[in-house]
Protein backbone atom coordinates (compact mmCIF):
# COMPACT_ATOMS: atom_id res chain seq x y z
CA MET A 1 -10.04 -28.03 17.69
CA LYS A 2 -10.49 -26.14 14.84
CA PRO A 3 -8.48 -22.83 14.92
CA LEU A 4 -11.75 -20.96 13.76
CA THR A 5 -13.41 -22.26 17.11
CA LEU A 6 -9.98 -21.12 19.00
CA LEU A 7 -9.95 -18.02 17.39
CA ALA A 8 -13.83 -17.24 17.82
CA GLY A 9 -13.20 -18.25 21.72
CA THR A 10 -10.23 -16.27 22.06
CA LEU A 11 -12.20 -13.05 20.43
CA GLY A 12 -15.06 -13.84 23.04
CA ALA A 13 -12.99 -13.77 26.08
CA SER A 14 -11.25 -10.82 25.22
CA PHE A 15 -14.30 -8.89 24.59
CA VAL A 16 -15.06 -10.18 28.01
CA ALA A 17 -12.07 -8.35 29.22
CA MET A 18 -12.38 -5.22 27.49
CA GLN A 19 -15.52 -4.95 29.09
CA THR A 20 -14.85 -5.30 32.36
CA TYR A 21 -11.66 -2.96 32.36
CA PHE A 22 -13.58 -0.43 30.38
CA MET A 23 -17.17 -0.26 31.01
CA PRO A 24 -16.40 2.07 34.17
CA ILE A 25 -14.22 4.50 31.75
CA ALA A 26 -16.64 4.51 28.91
CA GLY A 27 -19.88 4.06 30.58
CA VAL A 28 -22.45 1.21 29.74
CA ALA A 29 -24.29 3.14 27.14
CA LEU A 30 -21.31 4.10 25.27
CA PHE A 31 -19.61 0.71 25.31
CA THR A 32 -22.74 -0.73 24.48
CA VAL A 33 -23.29 1.57 21.24
CA ALA A 34 -19.82 0.97 20.30
CA SER A 35 -19.91 -2.71 20.63
CA ARG A 36 -23.16 -2.91 18.66
CA VAL A 37 -21.77 -0.51 15.80
CA GLU A 38 -18.97 -3.08 15.49
CA GLN A 39 -21.30 -6.22 15.50
CA THR A 40 -23.91 -4.44 12.51
CA THR A 41 -20.50 -3.56 10.98
CA ILE A 42 -18.89 -7.03 11.02
CA SER A 43 -22.39 -8.83 9.78
CA LEU A 44 -22.19 -6.63 6.89
CA LEU A 45 -18.76 -7.71 5.79
CA VAL A 46 -19.45 -11.32 6.59
CA ASN A 47 -22.69 -11.30 4.14
CA ARG A 48 -20.44 -9.34 1.69
CA PHE A 49 -17.76 -11.83 1.30
CA GLY A 50 -19.60 -15.22 2.56
CA LEU A 51 -17.39 -15.78 5.34
CA THR A 52 -20.02 -18.40 6.82
CA GLY A 53 -20.19 -20.33 3.81
CA GLY A 54 -23.65 -19.05 2.59
CA GLU A 55 -24.27 -17.11 -0.50
CA LYS A 56 -22.73 -13.71 -0.87
CA SER A 57 -24.54 -10.86 -0.49
CA ALA A 58 -23.93 -7.22 -1.58
CA ILE A 59 -23.88 -4.11 0.25
CA THR A 60 -26.70 -2.29 -1.37
CA LYS A 61 -27.98 1.23 -0.29
CA ARG A 62 -31.13 -0.38 1.69
CA ARG A 63 -28.50 -2.31 3.98
CA VAL A 64 -26.42 0.94 4.35
CA LEU A 65 -29.61 2.75 5.33
CA THR A 66 -30.79 0.23 7.88
CA PHE A 67 -27.11 0.28 9.45
CA VAL A 68 -27.45 4.06 9.54
CA ILE A 69 -30.73 3.80 11.08
CA THR A 70 -29.74 1.15 13.58
CA VAL A 71 -26.52 3.50 14.60
CA VAL A 72 -28.52 6.30 14.95
CA GLU A 73 -31.27 4.55 16.91
CA MET A 74 -28.94 3.05 19.27
CA LEU A 75 -27.63 6.48 19.87
CA VAL A 76 -30.56 8.27 20.51
CA SER A 77 -31.84 5.46 22.95
CA SER A 78 -28.53 5.64 24.87
CA TRP A 79 -28.32 9.54 24.98
CA TYR A 80 -28.87 9.95 28.48
CA GLY A 81 -26.04 7.78 29.40
CA PHE A 82 -23.32 9.94 27.67
CA THR A 83 -20.98 12.35 29.40
CA MET A 84 -17.99 13.94 28.11
CA SER A 85 -16.37 13.39 31.92
CA ASN A 86 -16.13 9.98 31.22
CA PHE A 87 -15.69 9.74 27.24
CA SER A 88 -12.20 7.81 26.52
CA LEU A 89 -11.59 7.29 22.88
CA LEU A 90 -9.41 4.13 23.77
CA ALA A 91 -12.27 2.34 25.36
CA ILE A 92 -14.67 3.52 22.21
CA GLY A 93 -12.04 2.16 19.82
CA LEU A 94 -11.21 -1.20 21.62
CA ALA A 95 -15.30 -1.91 22.33
CA VAL A 96 -15.10 -1.42 18.13
CA PHE A 97 -12.29 -3.46 18.01
CA THR A 98 -12.97 -6.21 20.08
CA GLY A 99 -17.04 -6.33 20.10
CA PRO A 100 -19.03 -9.26 20.27
CA GLY A 101 -19.38 -9.79 16.31
């Protein structure tokens, strides 16, 4: 097994573990937004540095604007699920760190 494949599997398992533990703390909406922000951010970086073997592509203003619009859209669409009583900065940080990206 290639080391990169093993790493990907480990990260996927860690995401499921974090999701199981922190979903009740952060709530579904907030956890989903955090993990999608992570996925979008990582995809920009992967494309920028050509980490998948494809062509490197610059992070342009258009791509950044698309990223911002995506984040705002996710926040607006899940706004009803946010409450400060279940907000956990640790849970959100771990969702971003171990996200599905």
